[in-house]
Amino acid sequence: MSKKMLVLTEAAIFAALAMTLSLIPDFASWFTPSFGAVPLILVSLRRGLKAGLLAGLCWGLLHFLLSKVYYLSLPQVIIEYILAFLTMGLAGLYATPLKQALAQKEITKAFSLAALAATTAILVRYFFHFWAGILFWSDYAPEGMSPFLYSLSVNGTAGVLTLLFSLLVVLPLLKVQPRFFLEK
């Protein structure tokens, strides 16, 4: 199998894994972390920006195939299911420096880069969800609550929980299985 085909296959597998984890029932309504973020961060750090963006796009599109889209309007769907999921691949911006740090056995630097990668991807994703919350979901805010504060509380909580969960998985994996990230 060619390297390009291997990368495409991995991106598809990690997107499917992300979608599978997205099917875990919500335990706290909209405040549940996005468990599917972990495979996207992993594939992005392993294969880089292009593979990460592709996997993120596939993850977003899988929501349509499985009828897991909460539809209010076309712009809302594009923002929340195409752009937001696509941006999870931004963790791939840190793939090369992470691999260099791991190859040089600079574990502290690798941890920092992985944490920065996860933070970047999740922050940008929830930025899109935050604005969608203000623009499209404000009618669901409790009476008297500003749409800004409502969206910040819902998406901010989900984003922070997603980041914490992602770091709890990705950082130990760096320590116990650095070869995963160094595969050619």
N, C-alpha and C. Protein backbone atom coordinates (compact mmCIF):
# COMPACT_ATOMS: atom_id res chain seq x y z
N MET A 1 0.85 -1.17 0.00
CA MET A 1 0.00 0.00 0.00
C MET A 1 0.89 1.23 0.00
N SER A 2 0.56 2.20 -0.84
CA SER A 2 1.35 3.43 -0.90
C SER A 2 1.15 4.24 0.38
N LYS A 3 2.11 5.11 0.67
CA LYS A 3 2.02 5.93 1.89
C LYS A 3 0.78 6.83 1.84
N LYS A 4 0.48 7.39 0.67
CA LYS A 4 -0.67 8.27 0.55
C LYS A 4 -1.96 7.51 0.86
N MET A 5 -2.07 6.29 0.34
CA MET A 5 -3.26 5.49 0.59
C MET A 5 -3.35 5.11 2.08
N LEU A 6 -2.21 4.83 2.69
CA LEU A 6 -2.18 4.50 4.11
C LEU A 6 -2.67 5.67 4.96
N VAL A 7 -2.21 6.87 4.62
CA VAL A 7 -2.62 8.07 5.35
C VAL A 7 -4.12 8.31 5.18
N LEU A 8 -4.63 8.16 3.97
CA LEU A 8 -6.07 8.33 3.73
C LEU A 8 -6.88 7.30 4.50
N THR A 9 -6.40 6.07 4.52
CA THR A 9 -7.09 5.01 5.25
C THR A 9 -7.10 5.30 6.75
N GLU A 10 -5.96 5.72 7.28
CA GLU A 10 -5.91 6.07 8.70
C GLU A 10 -6.85 7.23 9.03
N ALA A 11 -6.88 8.24 8.17
CA ALA A 11 -7.77 9.37 8.40
C ALA A 11 -9.22 8.90 8.45
N ALA A 12 -9.60 8.03 7.54
CA ALA A 12 -10.98 7.51 7.52
C ALA A 12 -11.27 6.67 8.76
N ILE A 13 -10.33 5.84 9.17
CA ILE A 13 -10.53 4.99 10.35
C ILE A 13 -10.67 5.85 11.60
N PHE A 14 -9.81 6.86 11.74
CA PHE A 14 -9.89 7.72 12.92
C PHE A 14 -11.16 8.57 12.92
N ALA A 15 -11.63 8.98 11.74
CA ALA A 15 -12.90 9.70 11.66
C ALA A 15 -14.04 8.80 12.09
N ALA A 16 -14.01 7.54 11.64
CA ALA A 16 -15.05 6.58 12.04
C ALA A 16 -15.00 6.33 13.54
N LEU A 17 -13.81 6.23 14.09
CA LEU A 17 -13.67 6.05 15.54
C LEU A 17 -14.21 7.27 16.28
N ALA A 18 -13.92 8.46 15.77
CA ALA A 18 -14.44 9.68 16.39
C ALA A 18 -15.97 9.68 16.37
N MET A 19 -16.54 9.26 15.25
CA MET A 19 -18.00 9.22 15.15
C MET A 19 -18.57 8.19 16.11
N THR A 20 -17.91 7.04 16.22
CA THR A 20 -18.37 6.01 17.14
C THR A 20 -18.37 6.53 18.58
N LEU A 21 -17.31 7.22 18.95
CA LEU A 21 -17.25 7.80 20.30
C LEU A 21 -18.28 8.90 20.49
N SER A 22 -18.66 9.56 19.41
CA SER A 22 -19.69 10.60 19.48
C SER A 22 -21.07 10.02 19.79
N LEU A 23 -21.22 8.73 19.60
CA LEU A 23 -22.50 8.08 19.84
C LEU A 23 -22.70 7.70 21.31
N ILE A 24 -21.66 7.91 22.13
CA ILE A 24 -21.82 7.68 23.57
C ILE A 24 -22.91 8.62 24.06
N PRO A 25 -23.90 8.10 24.76
CA PRO A 25 -25.01 8.96 25.19
C PRO A 25 -24.53 10.14 26.06
N ASP A 26 -25.18 11.27 25.85
CA ASP A 26 -24.88 12.46 26.65
C ASP A 26 -25.24 12.18 28.10
N PHE A 27 -24.33 12.49 29.01
CA PHE A 27 -24.64 12.31 30.42
C PHE A 27 -25.00 13.64 31.08
N ALA A 28 -24.81 14.73 30.38
CA ALA A 28 -25.12 16.04 30.96
C ALA A 28 -25.63 16.99 29.88
N SER A 29 -26.47 16.49 29.02
CA SER A 29 -27.07 17.29 27.95
C SER A 29 -25.98 17.93 27.09
N TRP A 30 -26.01 19.24 26.91
CA TRP A 30 -25.06 19.91 26.04
C TRP A 30 -23.70 20.10 26.69
N PHE A 31 -23.58 19.75 27.96
CA PHE A 31 -22.33 19.98 28.67
C PHE A 31 -21.40 18.77 28.62
N THR A 32 -21.74 17.76 27.84
CA THR A 32 -20.95 16.56 27.73
C THR A 32 -19.70 16.81 26.87
N PRO A 33 -18.55 16.28 27.29
CA PRO A 33 -17.36 16.43 26.44
C PRO A 33 -17.53 15.67 25.13
N SER A 34 -16.82 16.11 24.14
CA SER A 34 -16.82 15.46 22.84
C SER A 34 -15.72 14.41 22.83
N PHE A 35 -16.08 13.16 23.11
CA PHE A 35 -15.09 12.08 23.19
C PHE A 35 -14.42 11.83 21.83
N GLY A 36 -15.11 12.15 20.75
CA GLY A 36 -14.56 11.96 19.41
C GLY A 36 -13.39 12.88 19.10
N ALA A 37 -13.16 13.88 19.93
CA ALA A 37 -12.03 14.78 19.70
C ALA A 37 -10.70 14.05 19.83
N VAL A 38 -10.64 13.05 20.68
CA VAL A 38 -9.37 12.35 20.93
C VAL A 38 -8.81 11.70 19.66
N PRO A 39 -9.58 10.89 18.94
CA PRO A 39 -9.01 10.31 17.72
C PRO A 39 -8.57 11.35 16.70
N LEU A 40 -9.29 12.47 16.65
CA LEU A 40 -8.90 13.52 15.70
C LEU A 40 -7.58 14.16 16.08
N ILE A 41 -7.36 14.38 17.36
CA ILE A 41 -6.08 14.93 17.81
C ILE A 41 -4.97 13.92 17.54
N LEU A 42 -5.24 12.66 17.81
CA LEU A 42 -4.23 11.62 17.60
C LEU A 42 -3.82 11.51 16.13
N VAL A 43 -4.79 11.42 15.23
CA VAL A 43 -4.44 11.28 13.81
C VAL A 43 -3.76 12.54 13.29
N SER A 44 -4.16 13.69 13.80
CA SER A 44 -3.54 14.95 13.38
C SER A 44 -2.08 15.02 13.83
N LEU A 45 -1.82 14.59 15.05
CA LEU A 45 -0.44 14.61 15.54
C LEU A 45 0.41 13.52 14.89
N ARG A 46 -0.22 12.44 14.50
CA ARG A 46 0.50 11.34 13.86
C ARG A 46 0.79 11.62 12.39
N ARG A 47 -0.21 12.17 11.67
CA ARG A 47 -0.09 12.30 10.22
C ARG A 47 -0.04 13.73 9.70
N GLY A 48 -0.26 14.71 10.55
CA GLY A 48 -0.12 16.09 10.11
C GLY A 48 -1.43 16.78 9.78
N LEU A 49 -1.29 18.02 9.32
CA LEU A 49 -2.41 18.92 9.10
C LEU A 49 -3.40 18.39 8.06
N LYS A 50 -2.92 17.98 6.89
CA LYS A 50 -3.83 17.57 5.82
C LYS A 50 -4.66 16.36 6.24
N ALA A 51 -4.02 15.37 6.82
CA ALA A 51 -4.75 14.18 7.26
C ALA A 51 -5.72 14.53 8.38
N GLY A 52 -5.31 15.41 9.27
CA GLY A 52 -6.19 15.84 10.35
C GLY A 52 -7.42 16.58 9.85
N LEU A 53 -7.21 17.49 8.91
CA LEU A 53 -8.34 18.23 8.34
C LEU A 53 -9.29 17.29 7.59
N LEU A 54 -8.72 16.34 6.85
CA LEU A 54 -9.54 15.36 6.14
C LEU A 54 -10.36 14.53 7.12
N ALA A 55 -9.72 14.05 8.18
CA ALA A 55 -10.43 13.26 9.18
C ALA A 55 -11.53 14.09 9.85
N GLY A 56 -11.24 15.35 10.15
CA GLY A 56 -12.25 16.22 10.75
C GLY A 56 -13.43 16.44 9.83
N LEU A 57 -13.15 16.67 8.55
CA LEU A 57 -14.23 16.83 7.58
C LEU A 57 -15.07 15.56 7.49
N CYS A 58 -14.40 14.42 7.43
CA CYS A 58 -15.13 13.14 7.37
C CYS A 58 -15.99 12.94 8.61
N TRP A 59 -15.44 13.29 9.78
CA TRP A 59 -16.21 13.16 11.02
C TRP A 59 -17.48 14.02 10.96
N GLY A 60 -17.33 15.25 10.49
CA GLY A 60 -18.50 16.11 10.36
C GLY A 60 -19.52 15.55 9.38
N LEU A 61 -19.06 15.04 8.25
CA LEU A 61 -19.97 14.49 7.24
C LEU A 61 -20.64 13.21 7.72
N LEU A 62 -19.96 12.44 8.55
CA LEU A 62 -20.57 11.22 9.09
C LEU A 62 -21.82 11.53 9.91
N HIS A 63 -21.87 12.70 10.50
CA HIS A 63 -23.07 13.10 11.25
C HIS A 63 -24.30 13.12 10.34
N PHE A 64 -24.09 13.53 9.09
CA PHE A 64 -25.19 13.56 8.14
C PHE A 64 -25.63 12.15 7.77
N LEU A 65 -24.66 11.28 7.52
CA LEU A 65 -24.98 9.90 7.12
C LEU A 65 -25.72 9.15 8.22
N LEU A 66 -25.42 9.49 9.46
CA LEU A 66 -26.05 8.79 10.59
C LEU A 66 -27.21 9.57 11.20
N SER A 67 -27.64 10.62 10.52
CA SER A 67 -28.77 11.45 10.97
C SER A 67 -28.56 11.98 12.39
N LYS A 68 -27.38 12.48 12.64
CA LYS A 68 -27.05 13.05 13.95
C LYS A 68 -26.82 14.55 13.84
N VAL A 69 -27.57 15.20 12.95
CA VAL A 69 -27.44 16.63 12.73
C VAL A 69 -28.63 17.34 13.36
N TYR A 70 -28.35 18.35 14.18
CA TYR A 70 -29.40 19.19 14.73
C TYR A 70 -29.49 20.42 13.84
N TYR A 71 -30.53 20.45 13.01
CA TYR A 71 -30.65 21.40 11.93
C TYR A 71 -31.59 22.55 12.29
N LEU A 72 -31.06 23.77 12.23
CA LEU A 72 -31.89 24.97 12.35
C LEU A 72 -31.91 25.73 11.04
N SER A 73 -30.74 25.82 10.40
CA SER A 73 -30.63 26.50 9.12
C SER A 73 -29.37 26.01 8.43
N LEU A 74 -29.27 26.27 7.13
CA LEU A 74 -28.11 25.83 6.38
C LEU A 74 -26.81 26.48 6.89
N PRO A 75 -26.79 27.79 7.15
CA PRO A 75 -25.54 28.37 7.69
C PRO A 75 -25.14 27.74 9.03
N GLN A 76 -26.10 27.45 9.88
CA GLN A 76 -25.81 26.83 11.18
C GLN A 76 -25.20 25.45 10.98
N VAL A 77 -25.74 24.68 10.06
CA VAL A 77 -25.22 23.33 9.79
C VAL A 77 -23.80 23.41 9.23
N ILE A 78 -23.56 24.34 8.33
CA ILE A 78 -22.21 24.49 7.76
C ILE A 78 -21.21 24.87 8.85
N ILE A 79 -21.59 25.80 9.71
CA ILE A 79 -20.69 26.25 10.78
C ILE A 79 -20.41 25.12 11.77
N GLU A 80 -21.47 24.44 12.21
CA GLU A 80 -21.30 23.47 13.30
C GLU A 80 -20.89 22.07 12.86
N TYR A 81 -21.19 21.69 11.64
CA TYR A 81 -20.88 20.31 11.23
C TYR A 81 -19.80 20.22 10.16
N ILE A 82 -19.53 21.30 9.48
CA ILE A 82 -18.44 21.27 8.51
C ILE A 82 -17.23 22.00 9.09
N LEU A 83 -17.38 23.29 9.33
CA LEU A 83 -16.24 24.09 9.80
C LEU A 83 -15.73 23.66 11.17
N ALA A 84 -16.63 23.48 12.14
CA ALA A 84 -16.20 23.15 13.50
C ALA A 84 -15.46 21.81 13.54
N PHE A 85 -16.00 20.80 12.87
CA PHE A 85 -15.35 19.49 12.90
C PHE A 85 -14.07 19.49 12.07
N LEU A 86 -14.07 20.20 10.97
CA LEU A 86 -12.88 20.33 10.14
C LEU A 86 -11.71 20.89 10.94
N THR A 87 -11.96 21.88 11.76
CA THR A 87 -10.88 22.56 12.48
C THR A 87 -10.22 21.69 13.54
N MET A 88 -10.80 20.54 13.87
CA MET A 88 -10.13 19.64 14.81
C MET A 88 -8.78 19.19 14.23
N GLY A 89 -8.67 19.20 12.92
CA GLY A 89 -7.42 18.83 12.28
C GLY A 89 -6.30 19.83 12.48
N LEU A 90 -6.60 20.99 13.02
CA LEU A 90 -5.56 22.00 13.26
C LEU A 90 -4.50 21.52 14.25
N ALA A 91 -4.80 20.49 15.00
CA ALA A 91 -3.79 19.91 15.88
C ALA A 91 -2.58 19.45 15.06
N GLY A 92 -2.81 19.14 13.80
CA GLY A 92 -1.74 18.71 12.92
C GLY A 92 -0.68 19.76 12.66
N LEU A 93 -0.96 21.02 12.97
CA LEU A 93 0.06 22.07 12.84
C LEU A 93 1.28 21.79 13.72
N TYR A 94 1.08 20.99 14.75
CA TYR A 94 2.14 20.72 15.72
C TYR A 94 2.77 19.34 15.52
N ALA A 95 2.40 18.63 14.47
CA ALA A 95 2.89 17.26 14.26
C ALA A 95 4.40 17.21 14.08
N THR A 96 4.95 18.05 13.23
CA THR A 96 6.39 18.01 12.96
C THR A 96 7.22 18.38 14.19
N PRO A 97 6.92 19.49 14.88
CA PRO A 97 7.71 19.78 16.08
C PRO A 97 7.53 18.71 17.17
N LEU A 98 6.36 18.11 17.25
CA LEU A 98 6.14 17.05 18.23
C LEU A 98 7.03 15.84 17.92
N LYS A 99 7.06 15.46 16.66
CA LYS A 99 7.90 14.32 16.25
C LYS A 99 9.38 14.61 16.52
N GLN A 100 9.80 15.84 16.27
CA GLN A 100 11.19 16.21 16.54
C GLN A 100 11.50 16.12 18.03
N ALA A 101 10.58 16.60 18.85
CA ALA A 101 10.79 16.55 20.30
C ALA A 101 10.84 15.10 20.79
N LEU A 102 9.97 14.28 20.27
CA LEU A 102 9.97 12.87 20.67
C LEU A 102 11.25 12.17 20.21
N ALA A 103 11.69 12.45 18.99
CA ALA A 103 12.91 11.83 18.46
C ALA A 103 14.13 12.22 19.28
N GLN A 104 14.10 13.44 19.83
CA GLN A 104 15.22 13.91 20.65
C GLN A 104 15.00 13.62 22.13
N LYS A 105 13.95 12.84 22.44
CA LYS A 105 13.63 12.44 23.83
C LYS A 105 13.36 13.64 24.74
N GLU A 106 12.82 14.70 24.17
CA GLU A 106 12.44 15.89 24.94
C GLU A 106 10.96 15.74 25.32
N ILE A 107 10.70 14.93 26.34
CA ILE A 107 9.33 14.58 26.71
C ILE A 107 8.54 15.79 27.21
N THR A 108 9.16 16.64 27.98
CA THR A 108 8.46 17.82 28.48
C THR A 108 8.02 18.72 27.33
N LYS A 109 8.90 18.91 26.37
CA LYS A 109 8.56 19.71 25.19
C LYS A 109 7.45 19.02 24.38
N ALA A 110 7.53 17.70 24.25
CA ALA A 110 6.49 16.96 23.53
C ALA A 110 5.14 17.10 24.22
N PHE A 111 5.13 17.02 25.55
CA PHE A 111 3.88 17.21 26.31
C PHE A 111 3.31 18.60 26.04
N SER A 112 4.18 19.61 26.08
CA SER A 112 3.72 20.98 25.85
C SER A 112 3.14 21.14 24.44
N LEU A 113 3.82 20.56 23.46
CA LEU A 113 3.33 20.66 22.07
C LEU A 113 2.00 19.94 21.89
N ALA A 114 1.87 18.77 22.48
CA ALA A 114 0.62 18.02 22.37
C ALA A 114 -0.51 18.78 23.07
N ALA A 115 -0.23 19.35 24.22
CA ALA A 115 -1.24 20.14 24.93
C ALA A 115 -1.63 21.38 24.12
N LEU A 116 -0.66 22.01 23.51
CA LEU A 116 -0.94 23.17 22.67
C LEU A 116 -1.75 22.77 21.43
N ALA A 117 -1.42 21.62 20.86
CA ALA A 117 -2.17 21.13 19.69
C ALA A 117 -3.63 20.87 20.05
N ALA A 118 -3.85 20.18 21.16
CA ALA A 118 -5.22 19.88 21.59
C ALA A 118 -5.97 21.17 21.91
N THR A 119 -5.30 22.07 22.59
CA THR A 119 -5.93 23.34 22.97
C THR A 119 -6.31 24.14 21.72
N THR A 120 -5.41 24.22 20.77
CA THR A 120 -5.68 24.97 19.54
C THR A 120 -6.89 24.40 18.80
N ALA A 121 -6.87 23.10 18.58
CA ALA A 121 -7.96 22.46 17.83
C ALA A 121 -9.30 22.62 18.53
N ILE A 122 -9.32 22.38 19.82
CA ILE A 122 -10.57 22.43 20.57
C ILE A 122 -11.04 23.88 20.73
N LEU A 123 -10.12 24.79 20.95
CA LEU A 123 -10.49 26.20 21.08
C LEU A 123 -11.12 26.72 19.79
N VAL A 124 -10.53 26.41 18.65
CA VAL A 124 -11.09 26.88 17.38
C VAL A 124 -12.44 26.21 17.11
N ARG A 125 -12.52 24.90 17.38
CA ARG A 125 -13.81 24.21 17.17
C ARG A 125 -14.91 24.86 18.00
N TYR A 126 -14.64 25.06 19.29
CA TYR A 126 -15.68 25.62 20.15
C TYR A 126 -15.90 27.11 19.91
N PHE A 127 -14.97 27.79 19.27
CA PHE A 127 -15.20 29.15 18.83
C PHE A 127 -16.35 29.16 17.82
N PHE A 128 -16.32 28.19 16.88
CA PHE A 128 -17.42 28.09 15.90
C PHE A 128 -18.73 27.73 16.59
N HIS A 129 -18.68 26.80 17.53
CA HIS A 129 -19.91 26.43 18.25
C HIS A 129 -20.43 27.61 19.08
N PHE A 130 -19.51 28.36 19.67
CA PHE A 130 -19.88 29.54 20.46
C PHE A 130 -20.65 30.55 19.61
N TRP A 131 -20.11 30.86 18.43
CA TRP A 131 -20.79 31.83 17.57
C TRP A 131 -22.10 31.28 17.03
N ALA A 132 -22.13 30.00 16.75
CA ALA A 132 -23.40 29.39 16.32
C ALA A 132 -24.42 29.48 17.44
N GLY A 133 -23.95 29.32 18.67
CA GLY A 133 -24.85 29.43 19.82
C GLY A 133 -25.47 30.81 19.93
N ILE A 134 -24.67 31.83 19.67
CA ILE A 134 -25.18 33.20 19.72
C ILE A 134 -26.13 33.46 18.55
N LEU A 135 -25.70 33.06 17.35
CA LEU A 135 -26.46 33.38 16.14
C LEU A 135 -27.71 32.54 15.95
N PHE A 136 -27.64 31.26 16.33
CA PHE A 136 -28.73 30.35 15.96
C PHE A 136 -29.46 29.72 17.14
N TRP A 137 -28.82 29.58 18.28
CA TRP A 137 -29.43 28.86 19.39
C TRP A 137 -29.89 29.79 20.52
N SER A 138 -29.84 31.09 20.32
CA SER A 138 -30.15 32.03 21.39
C SER A 138 -31.58 31.91 21.91
N ASP A 139 -32.50 31.41 21.08
CA ASP A 139 -33.88 31.23 21.54
C ASP A 139 -33.99 30.21 22.66
N TYR A 140 -32.97 29.38 22.82
CA TYR A 140 -33.00 28.34 23.85
C TYR A 140 -32.42 28.81 25.18
N ALA A 141 -31.91 30.04 25.19
CA ALA A 141 -31.36 30.59 26.43
C ALA A 141 -32.50 30.79 27.44
N PRO A 142 -32.20 30.57 28.72
CA PRO A 142 -33.22 30.86 29.74
C PRO A 142 -33.65 32.32 29.65
N GLU A 143 -34.88 32.56 29.98
CA GLU A 143 -35.43 33.91 29.89
C GLU A 143 -34.58 34.88 30.71
N GLY A 144 -34.20 35.98 30.09
CA GLY A 144 -33.41 37.01 30.74
C GLY A 144 -31.90 36.80 30.64
N MET A 145 -31.46 35.68 30.12
CA MET A 145 -30.03 35.41 29.98
C MET A 145 -29.57 35.86 28.60
N SER A 146 -28.45 36.54 28.54
CA SER A 146 -27.95 37.02 27.25
C SER A 146 -27.51 35.83 26.39
N PRO A 147 -27.70 35.91 25.08
CA PRO A 147 -27.23 34.83 24.20
C PRO A 147 -25.73 34.61 24.31
N PHE A 148 -24.98 35.69 24.53
CA PHE A 148 -23.53 35.58 24.69
C PHE A 148 -23.19 34.71 25.89
N LEU A 149 -23.77 35.02 27.04
CA LEU A 149 -23.49 34.28 28.27
C LEU A 149 -24.01 32.85 28.16
N TYR A 150 -25.16 32.68 27.54
CA TYR A 150 -25.72 31.34 27.36
C TYR A 150 -24.78 30.47 26.51
N SER A 151 -24.37 30.99 25.38
CA SER A 151 -23.50 30.22 24.50
C SER A 151 -22.15 29.98 25.15
N LEU A 152 -21.64 30.97 25.85
CA LEU A 152 -20.36 30.81 26.54
C LEU A 152 -20.44 29.73 27.61
N SER A 153 -21.53 29.71 28.36
CA SER A 153 -21.65 28.70 29.42
C SER A 153 -21.80 27.30 28.84
N VAL A 154 -22.62 27.13 27.83
CA VAL A 154 -22.84 25.81 27.24
C VAL A 154 -21.59 25.34 26.50
N ASN A 155 -21.11 26.15 25.57
CA ASN A 155 -19.98 25.74 24.74
C ASN A 155 -18.65 25.82 25.49
N GLY A 156 -18.54 26.76 26.39
CA GLY A 156 -17.32 26.85 27.19
C GLY A 156 -17.15 25.63 28.09
N THR A 157 -18.23 25.22 28.73
CA THR A 157 -18.17 24.03 29.58
C THR A 157 -17.84 22.79 28.76
N ALA A 158 -18.53 22.61 27.65
CA ALA A 158 -18.27 21.45 26.79
C ALA A 158 -16.84 21.48 26.26
N GLY A 159 -16.35 22.65 25.88
CA GLY A 159 -15.00 22.78 25.37
C GLY A 159 -13.94 22.46 26.42
N VAL A 160 -14.12 22.97 27.63
CA VAL A 160 -13.16 22.70 28.70
C VAL A 160 -13.16 21.21 29.05
N LEU A 161 -14.34 20.61 29.15
CA LEU A 161 -14.42 19.18 29.45
C LEU A 161 -13.80 18.34 28.33
N THR A 162 -14.01 18.75 27.10
CA THR A 162 -13.40 18.05 25.96
C THR A 162 -11.88 18.15 26.02
N LEU A 163 -11.37 19.32 26.32
CA LEU A 163 -9.93 19.51 26.43
C LEU A 163 -9.35 18.65 27.55
N LEU A 164 -9.98 18.67 28.71
CA LEU A 164 -9.48 17.88 29.84
C LEU A 164 -9.47 16.39 29.50
N PHE A 165 -10.55 15.90 28.93
CA PHE A 165 -10.62 14.48 28.56
C PHE A 165 -9.54 14.16 27.52
N SER A 166 -9.37 15.02 26.53
CA SER A 166 -8.38 14.79 25.49
C SER A 166 -6.97 14.73 26.06
N LEU A 167 -6.66 15.65 26.96
CA LEU A 167 -5.33 15.66 27.57
C LEU A 167 -5.10 14.43 28.44
N LEU A 168 -6.15 13.97 29.11
CA LEU A 168 -6.04 12.76 29.94
C LEU A 168 -5.73 11.52 29.11
N VAL A 169 -6.05 11.54 27.84
CA VAL A 169 -5.76 10.40 26.97
C VAL A 169 -4.46 10.61 26.19
N VAL A 170 -4.31 11.77 25.58
CA VAL A 170 -3.17 12.01 24.68
C VAL A 170 -1.84 12.08 25.42
N LEU A 171 -1.78 12.78 26.53
CA LEU A 171 -0.50 12.97 27.22
C LEU A 171 0.08 11.65 27.75
N PRO A 172 -0.70 10.81 28.42
CA PRO A 172 -0.11 9.52 28.83
C PRO A 172 0.31 8.66 27.64
N LEU A 173 -0.42 8.76 26.54
CA LEU A 173 -0.06 7.99 25.36
C LEU A 173 1.31 8.42 24.82
N LEU A 174 1.61 9.70 24.92
CA LEU A 174 2.94 10.19 24.51
C LEU A 174 4.04 9.52 25.32
N LYS A 175 3.78 9.34 26.59
CA LYS A 175 4.79 8.76 27.48
C LYS A 175 4.96 7.26 27.25
N VAL A 176 3.84 6.54 27.14
CA VAL A 176 3.94 5.07 27.06
C VAL A 176 4.07 4.54 25.64
N GLN A 177 3.69 5.32 24.64
CA GLN A 177 3.73 4.83 23.26
C GLN A 177 4.15 5.93 22.28
N PRO A 178 5.35 6.49 22.46
CA PRO A 178 5.77 7.58 21.57
C PRO A 178 5.91 7.12 20.11
N ARG A 179 6.14 5.82 19.90
CA ARG A 179 6.29 5.32 18.52
C ARG A 179 5.03 5.55 17.69
N PHE A 180 3.88 5.59 18.34
CA PHE A 180 2.64 5.84 17.61
C PHE A 180 2.74 7.14 16.81
N PHE A 181 3.36 8.14 17.39
CA PHE A 181 3.46 9.45 16.75
C PHE A 181 4.63 9.54 15.77
N LEU A 182 5.55 8.60 15.86
CA LEU A 182 6.76 8.65 15.04
C LEU A 182 6.69 7.78 13.81
N GLU A 183 5.62 7.01 13.66
CA GLU A 183 5.49 6.13 12.50
C GLU A 183 5.58 6.95 11.22
N LYS A 184 6.26 6.38 10.24
CA LYS A 184 6.44 7.08 8.96
C LYS A 184 5.25 6.89 8.07
